[in-house]
Amino acid sequence: MKSVALVGGMDRLEQHYKSEAARMGIALMVFSALGVKTASKIRGADAVVVFTSKISHNLMKEAVKAARSSKIPVLYCHACGVCTLRSCLECLGTEEGRATLREGGCSRFISQN
């Protein structure tokens, strides 16, 4: 897996999110606000993680719509800490070049393909 889009979360933790993902060998794109090309950037990700506790409704709608249109797996999680991100990234695997959810151990997260 090359890149993951993180939608939501806390602005003050953005650098911590990115460094944790880099430590795991993943390039992380963080979207905490709706921007001009947010949807097109999300379509380029291998997976999307949505922190539902810290996100605007418009950003969540755009992110999920972009992910669904590109058949990108989406993980929803209510918490928004660095440990939560680490758990989400550990649940993601690759199968035939596509991001997938690993079997077992990911029951805390609501996923969608």
N, C-alpha and C. Protein backbone atom coordinates (compact mmCIF):
# COMPACT_ATOMS: atom_id res chain seq x y z
N MET A 1 0.84 -1.17 0.00
CA MET A 1 0.00 0.00 0.00
C MET A 1 0.89 1.24 0.00
N LYS A 2 0.52 2.19 -0.81
CA LYS A 2 1.35 3.37 -0.95
C LYS A 2 0.82 4.56 -0.18
N SER A 3 -0.49 4.86 -0.31
CA SER A 3 -1.00 6.06 0.34
C SER A 3 -2.38 5.85 0.93
N VAL A 4 -2.64 6.57 2.01
CA VAL A 4 -3.92 6.54 2.70
C VAL A 4 -4.36 7.98 2.92
N ALA A 5 -5.64 8.23 2.70
CA ALA A 5 -6.21 9.55 2.97
C ALA A 5 -6.87 9.50 4.33
N LEU A 6 -6.50 10.41 5.20
CA LEU A 6 -7.13 10.54 6.52
C LEU A 6 -8.05 11.74 6.45
N VAL A 7 -9.32 11.51 6.71
CA VAL A 7 -10.32 12.57 6.64
C VAL A 7 -10.84 12.84 8.04
N GLY A 8 -10.68 14.07 8.49
CA GLY A 8 -11.07 14.44 9.85
C GLY A 8 -9.86 14.44 10.76
N GLY A 9 -10.11 14.42 12.05
CA GLY A 9 -9.02 14.44 13.01
C GLY A 9 -8.72 15.85 13.50
N MET A 10 -7.70 15.95 14.31
CA MET A 10 -7.32 17.24 14.90
C MET A 10 -6.15 17.85 14.16
N ASP A 11 -6.27 19.13 13.86
CA ASP A 11 -5.20 19.83 13.15
C ASP A 11 -3.88 19.76 13.89
N ARG A 12 -3.93 19.87 15.22
CA ARG A 12 -2.69 19.88 15.99
C ARG A 12 -1.96 18.54 15.98
N LEU A 13 -2.64 17.48 15.58
CA LEU A 13 -2.02 16.16 15.53
C LEU A 13 -1.57 15.76 14.12
N GLU A 14 -1.74 16.64 13.15
CA GLU A 14 -1.44 16.29 11.75
C GLU A 14 -0.02 15.77 11.58
N GLN A 15 0.96 16.43 12.15
CA GLN A 15 2.35 15.98 12.02
C GLN A 15 2.56 14.62 12.69
N HIS A 16 1.89 14.40 13.80
CA HIS A 16 2.00 13.10 14.49
C HIS A 16 1.36 11.99 13.65
N TYR A 17 0.21 12.30 13.03
CA TYR A 17 -0.43 11.33 12.15
C TYR A 17 0.53 10.93 11.02
N LYS A 18 1.11 11.95 10.39
CA LYS A 18 1.99 11.70 9.24
C LYS A 18 3.25 10.93 9.65
N SER A 19 3.83 11.27 10.79
CA SER A 19 5.04 10.57 11.21
C SER A 19 4.75 9.12 11.58
N GLU A 20 3.61 8.86 12.18
CA GLU A 20 3.23 7.48 12.52
C GLU A 20 3.02 6.66 11.26
N ALA A 21 2.34 7.24 10.28
CA ALA A 21 2.12 6.54 9.01
C ALA A 21 3.45 6.31 8.29
N ALA A 22 4.32 7.29 8.29
CA ALA A 22 5.63 7.14 7.64
C ALA A 22 6.43 6.03 8.31
N ARG A 23 6.33 5.93 9.62
CA ARG A 23 7.03 4.87 10.36
C ARG A 23 6.54 3.49 9.90
N MET A 24 5.27 3.43 9.45
CA MET A 24 4.70 2.17 8.98
C MET A 24 4.86 2.00 7.47
N GLY A 25 5.54 2.95 6.82
CA GLY A 25 5.79 2.85 5.39
C GLY A 25 4.64 3.30 4.52
N ILE A 26 3.81 4.19 5.04
CA ILE A 26 2.62 4.66 4.32
C ILE A 26 2.67 6.17 4.20
N ALA A 27 2.39 6.66 3.01
CA ALA A 27 2.27 8.10 2.79
C ALA A 27 0.84 8.50 3.17
N LEU A 28 0.72 9.46 4.07
CA LEU A 28 -0.59 9.86 4.58
C LEU A 28 -0.95 11.25 4.08
N MET A 29 -2.15 11.37 3.52
CA MET A 29 -2.69 12.67 3.13
C MET A 29 -3.77 13.01 4.16
N VAL A 30 -3.67 14.16 4.80
CA VAL A 30 -4.61 14.54 5.85
C VAL A 30 -5.53 15.63 5.33
N PHE A 31 -6.85 15.41 5.49
CA PHE A 31 -7.85 16.38 5.08
C PHE A 31 -8.72 16.70 6.29
N SER A 32 -8.52 17.87 6.89
CA SER A 32 -9.33 18.25 8.04
C SER A 32 -10.36 19.30 7.67
N ALA A 33 -10.29 19.81 6.44
CA ALA A 33 -11.26 20.78 5.95
C ALA A 33 -11.48 20.54 4.46
N LEU A 34 -12.66 20.91 3.99
CA LEU A 34 -13.00 20.72 2.59
C LEU A 34 -12.26 21.76 1.76
N GLY A 35 -11.48 21.29 0.80
CA GLY A 35 -10.72 22.17 -0.07
C GLY A 35 -11.19 22.06 -1.50
N VAL A 36 -10.51 22.79 -2.39
CA VAL A 36 -10.91 22.85 -3.79
C VAL A 36 -10.77 21.49 -4.48
N LYS A 37 -9.66 20.81 -4.29
CA LYS A 37 -9.43 19.54 -5.00
C LYS A 37 -9.39 18.34 -4.04
N THR A 38 -10.14 18.43 -2.97
CA THR A 38 -10.14 17.35 -1.98
C THR A 38 -10.57 16.02 -2.59
N ALA A 39 -11.67 16.02 -3.32
CA ALA A 39 -12.20 14.77 -3.89
C ALA A 39 -11.21 14.12 -4.85
N SER A 40 -10.57 14.92 -5.70
CA SER A 40 -9.63 14.33 -6.67
C SER A 40 -8.39 13.78 -5.98
N LYS A 41 -7.97 14.40 -4.89
CA LYS A 41 -6.82 13.88 -4.14
C LYS A 41 -7.18 12.58 -3.43
N ILE A 42 -8.40 12.49 -2.91
CA ILE A 42 -8.83 11.29 -2.22
C ILE A 42 -8.94 10.12 -3.20
N ARG A 43 -9.36 10.39 -4.43
CA ARG A 43 -9.46 9.33 -5.45
C ARG A 43 -8.10 8.70 -5.76
N GLY A 44 -7.02 9.40 -5.47
CA GLY A 44 -5.69 8.87 -5.72
C GLY A 44 -5.14 8.02 -4.59
N ALA A 45 -5.88 7.90 -3.50
CA ALA A 45 -5.43 7.12 -2.34
C ALA A 45 -5.77 5.65 -2.51
N ASP A 46 -5.05 4.80 -1.79
CA ASP A 46 -5.32 3.36 -1.80
C ASP A 46 -6.42 2.99 -0.80
N ALA A 47 -6.60 3.81 0.24
CA ALA A 47 -7.62 3.58 1.26
C ALA A 47 -7.95 4.92 1.91
N VAL A 48 -9.11 4.97 2.57
CA VAL A 48 -9.53 6.19 3.26
C VAL A 48 -9.89 5.82 4.69
N VAL A 49 -9.39 6.60 5.64
CA VAL A 49 -9.73 6.47 7.04
C VAL A 49 -10.50 7.73 7.43
N VAL A 50 -11.70 7.56 7.99
CA VAL A 50 -12.53 8.69 8.39
C VAL A 50 -12.66 8.71 9.91
N PHE A 51 -12.20 9.79 10.52
CA PHE A 51 -12.39 10.00 11.96
C PHE A 51 -13.69 10.76 12.13
N THR A 52 -14.76 10.08 12.52
CA THR A 52 -16.09 10.65 12.51
C THR A 52 -16.35 11.66 13.63
N SER A 53 -15.54 11.68 14.66
CA SER A 53 -15.78 12.61 15.77
C SER A 53 -15.32 14.03 15.45
N LYS A 54 -14.39 14.20 14.56
CA LYS A 54 -13.85 15.52 14.24
C LYS A 54 -13.87 15.75 12.73
N ILE A 55 -15.09 15.96 12.18
CA ILE A 55 -15.22 16.15 10.75
C ILE A 55 -16.52 16.89 10.45
N SER A 56 -16.50 17.72 9.43
CA SER A 56 -17.73 18.40 9.01
C SER A 56 -18.55 17.45 8.15
N HIS A 57 -19.85 17.66 8.12
CA HIS A 57 -20.73 16.81 7.33
C HIS A 57 -20.40 16.90 5.84
N ASN A 58 -20.11 18.11 5.36
CA ASN A 58 -19.79 18.28 3.94
C ASN A 58 -18.51 17.56 3.55
N LEU A 59 -17.48 17.64 4.39
CA LEU A 59 -16.23 16.95 4.09
C LEU A 59 -16.44 15.45 4.08
N MET A 60 -17.22 14.94 5.03
CA MET A 60 -17.46 13.50 5.07
C MET A 60 -18.23 13.05 3.83
N LYS A 61 -19.25 13.80 3.42
CA LYS A 61 -20.02 13.43 2.23
C LYS A 61 -19.13 13.40 0.99
N GLU A 62 -18.30 14.42 0.80
CA GLU A 62 -17.42 14.48 -0.36
C GLU A 62 -16.39 13.36 -0.35
N ALA A 63 -15.82 13.08 0.81
CA ALA A 63 -14.80 12.04 0.91
C ALA A 63 -15.38 10.66 0.61
N VAL A 64 -16.52 10.35 1.19
CA VAL A 64 -17.14 9.04 0.99
C VAL A 64 -17.61 8.90 -0.46
N LYS A 65 -18.14 9.96 -1.03
CA LYS A 65 -18.57 9.94 -2.43
C LYS A 65 -17.39 9.68 -3.35
N ALA A 66 -16.26 10.35 -3.11
CA ALA A 66 -15.06 10.15 -3.93
C ALA A 66 -14.53 8.73 -3.78
N ALA A 67 -14.52 8.20 -2.55
CA ALA A 67 -14.03 6.85 -2.31
C ALA A 67 -14.93 5.81 -2.98
N ARG A 68 -16.23 5.98 -2.86
CA ARG A 68 -17.15 5.02 -3.47
C ARG A 68 -17.02 5.01 -4.99
N SER A 69 -16.87 6.20 -5.58
CA SER A 69 -16.78 6.27 -7.04
C SER A 69 -15.52 5.58 -7.57
N SER A 70 -14.49 5.52 -6.74
CA SER A 70 -13.24 4.88 -7.15
C SER A 70 -13.05 3.50 -6.54
N LYS A 71 -14.08 3.01 -5.84
CA LYS A 71 -14.04 1.69 -5.20
C LYS A 71 -12.86 1.55 -4.23
N ILE A 72 -12.65 2.59 -3.43
CA ILE A 72 -11.57 2.61 -2.44
C ILE A 72 -12.17 2.20 -1.10
N PRO A 73 -11.52 1.29 -0.36
CA PRO A 73 -12.05 0.90 0.96
C PRO A 73 -12.01 2.08 1.94
N VAL A 74 -13.05 2.15 2.77
CA VAL A 74 -13.19 3.22 3.75
C VAL A 74 -13.31 2.60 5.14
N LEU A 75 -12.53 3.10 6.07
CA LEU A 75 -12.63 2.70 7.48
C LEU A 75 -13.17 3.88 8.26
N TYR A 76 -14.22 3.67 9.05
CA TYR A 76 -14.78 4.70 9.90
C TYR A 76 -14.37 4.41 11.34
N CYS A 77 -13.97 5.45 12.06
CA CYS A 77 -13.65 5.28 13.47
C CYS A 77 -14.05 6.55 14.21
N HIS A 78 -14.62 6.39 15.39
CA HIS A 78 -15.10 7.55 16.13
C HIS A 78 -13.96 8.31 16.80
N ALA A 79 -12.98 7.62 17.32
CA ALA A 79 -11.86 8.28 18.00
C ALA A 79 -10.93 8.92 16.97
N CYS A 80 -10.05 9.80 17.43
CA CYS A 80 -9.18 10.49 16.46
C CYS A 80 -7.74 10.64 16.95
N GLY A 81 -7.28 9.71 17.75
CA GLY A 81 -5.92 9.78 18.25
C GLY A 81 -4.92 9.07 17.35
N VAL A 82 -3.66 9.23 17.67
CA VAL A 82 -2.59 8.60 16.90
C VAL A 82 -2.66 7.09 17.03
N CYS A 83 -2.99 6.60 18.21
CA CYS A 83 -3.11 5.15 18.41
C CYS A 83 -4.25 4.57 17.58
N THR A 84 -5.32 5.32 17.45
CA THR A 84 -6.44 4.87 16.62
C THR A 84 -6.01 4.79 15.16
N LEU A 85 -5.29 5.79 14.70
CA LEU A 85 -4.79 5.75 13.33
C LEU A 85 -3.89 4.54 13.12
N ARG A 86 -3.00 4.28 14.06
CA ARG A 86 -2.11 3.13 13.96
C ARG A 86 -2.92 1.84 13.84
N SER A 87 -3.98 1.70 14.65
CA SER A 87 -4.82 0.50 14.59
C SER A 87 -5.51 0.37 13.24
N CYS A 88 -5.99 1.49 12.70
CA CYS A 88 -6.63 1.48 11.39
C CYS A 88 -5.65 1.05 10.31
N LEU A 89 -4.44 1.59 10.34
CA LEU A 89 -3.45 1.26 9.33
C LEU A 89 -3.01 -0.19 9.42
N GLU A 90 -2.99 -0.73 10.63
CA GLU A 90 -2.64 -2.14 10.80
C GLU A 90 -3.73 -3.06 10.24
N CYS A 91 -4.96 -2.58 10.19
CA CYS A 91 -6.07 -3.37 9.65
C CYS A 91 -6.06 -3.42 8.13
N LEU A 92 -5.35 -2.51 7.52
CA LEU A 92 -5.31 -2.46 6.06
C LEU A 92 -4.20 -3.35 5.53
N GLY A 93 -4.51 -4.09 4.50
CA GLY A 93 -3.52 -4.91 3.82
C GLY A 93 -3.66 -4.72 2.33
N THR A 94 -2.88 -5.45 1.56
CA THR A 94 -3.02 -5.37 0.10
C THR A 94 -3.29 -6.75 -0.45
N GLU A 95 -4.08 -6.78 -1.48
CA GLU A 95 -4.40 -8.02 -2.16
C GLU A 95 -4.48 -7.71 -3.65
N GLU A 96 -3.60 -8.30 -4.40
CA GLU A 96 -3.53 -8.06 -5.84
C GLU A 96 -3.41 -6.58 -6.16
N GLY A 97 -2.59 -5.86 -5.39
CA GLY A 97 -2.34 -4.46 -5.65
C GLY A 97 -3.41 -3.51 -5.14
N ARG A 98 -4.49 -4.04 -4.54
CA ARG A 98 -5.56 -3.20 -4.02
C ARG A 98 -5.57 -3.25 -2.50
N ALA A 99 -5.95 -2.15 -1.88
CA ALA A 99 -6.07 -2.12 -0.42
C ALA A 99 -7.29 -2.92 0.00
N THR A 100 -7.14 -3.69 1.06
CA THR A 100 -8.24 -4.49 1.60
C THR A 100 -8.16 -4.46 3.12
N LEU A 101 -9.19 -4.98 3.75
CA LEU A 101 -9.17 -5.14 5.20
C LEU A 101 -8.63 -6.51 5.53
N ARG A 102 -7.75 -6.58 6.50
CA ARG A 102 -7.22 -7.88 6.91
C ARG A 102 -8.27 -8.62 7.70
N GLU A 103 -8.21 -9.92 7.61
CA GLU A 103 -9.16 -10.76 8.33
C GLU A 103 -8.86 -10.73 9.83
N GLY A 104 -9.91 -10.58 10.64
CA GLY A 104 -9.77 -10.63 12.09
C GLY A 104 -9.09 -9.41 12.68
N GLY A 105 -9.45 -9.08 13.89
CA GLY A 105 -8.78 -8.01 14.60
C GLY A 105 -9.23 -6.60 14.24
N CYS A 106 -10.15 -6.47 13.29
CA CYS A 106 -10.58 -5.14 12.86
C CYS A 106 -12.04 -4.89 13.18
N SER A 107 -12.56 -5.57 14.18
CA SER A 107 -13.98 -5.48 14.48
C SER A 107 -14.39 -4.13 15.06
N ARG A 108 -13.43 -3.34 15.54
CA ARG A 108 -13.76 -2.02 16.10
C ARG A 108 -14.15 -1.02 15.03
N PHE A 109 -13.79 -1.29 13.80
CA PHE A 109 -13.97 -0.32 12.72
C PHE A 109 -15.09 -0.75 11.80
N ILE A 110 -15.86 0.23 11.38
CA ILE A 110 -16.89 -0.03 10.38
C ILE A 110 -16.24 0.18 9.04
N SER A 111 -16.31 -0.79 8.19
CA SER A 111 -15.64 -0.66 6.89
C SER A 111 -16.65 -0.72 5.75
N GLN A 112 -16.20 -0.22 4.64
CA GLN A 112 -17.03 -0.21 3.44
C GLN A 112 -16.12 -0.33 2.23
N ASN A 113 -16.55 -1.05 1.24
CA ASN A 113 -15.80 -1.13 -0.02
C ASN A 113 -16.57 -0.45 -1.11
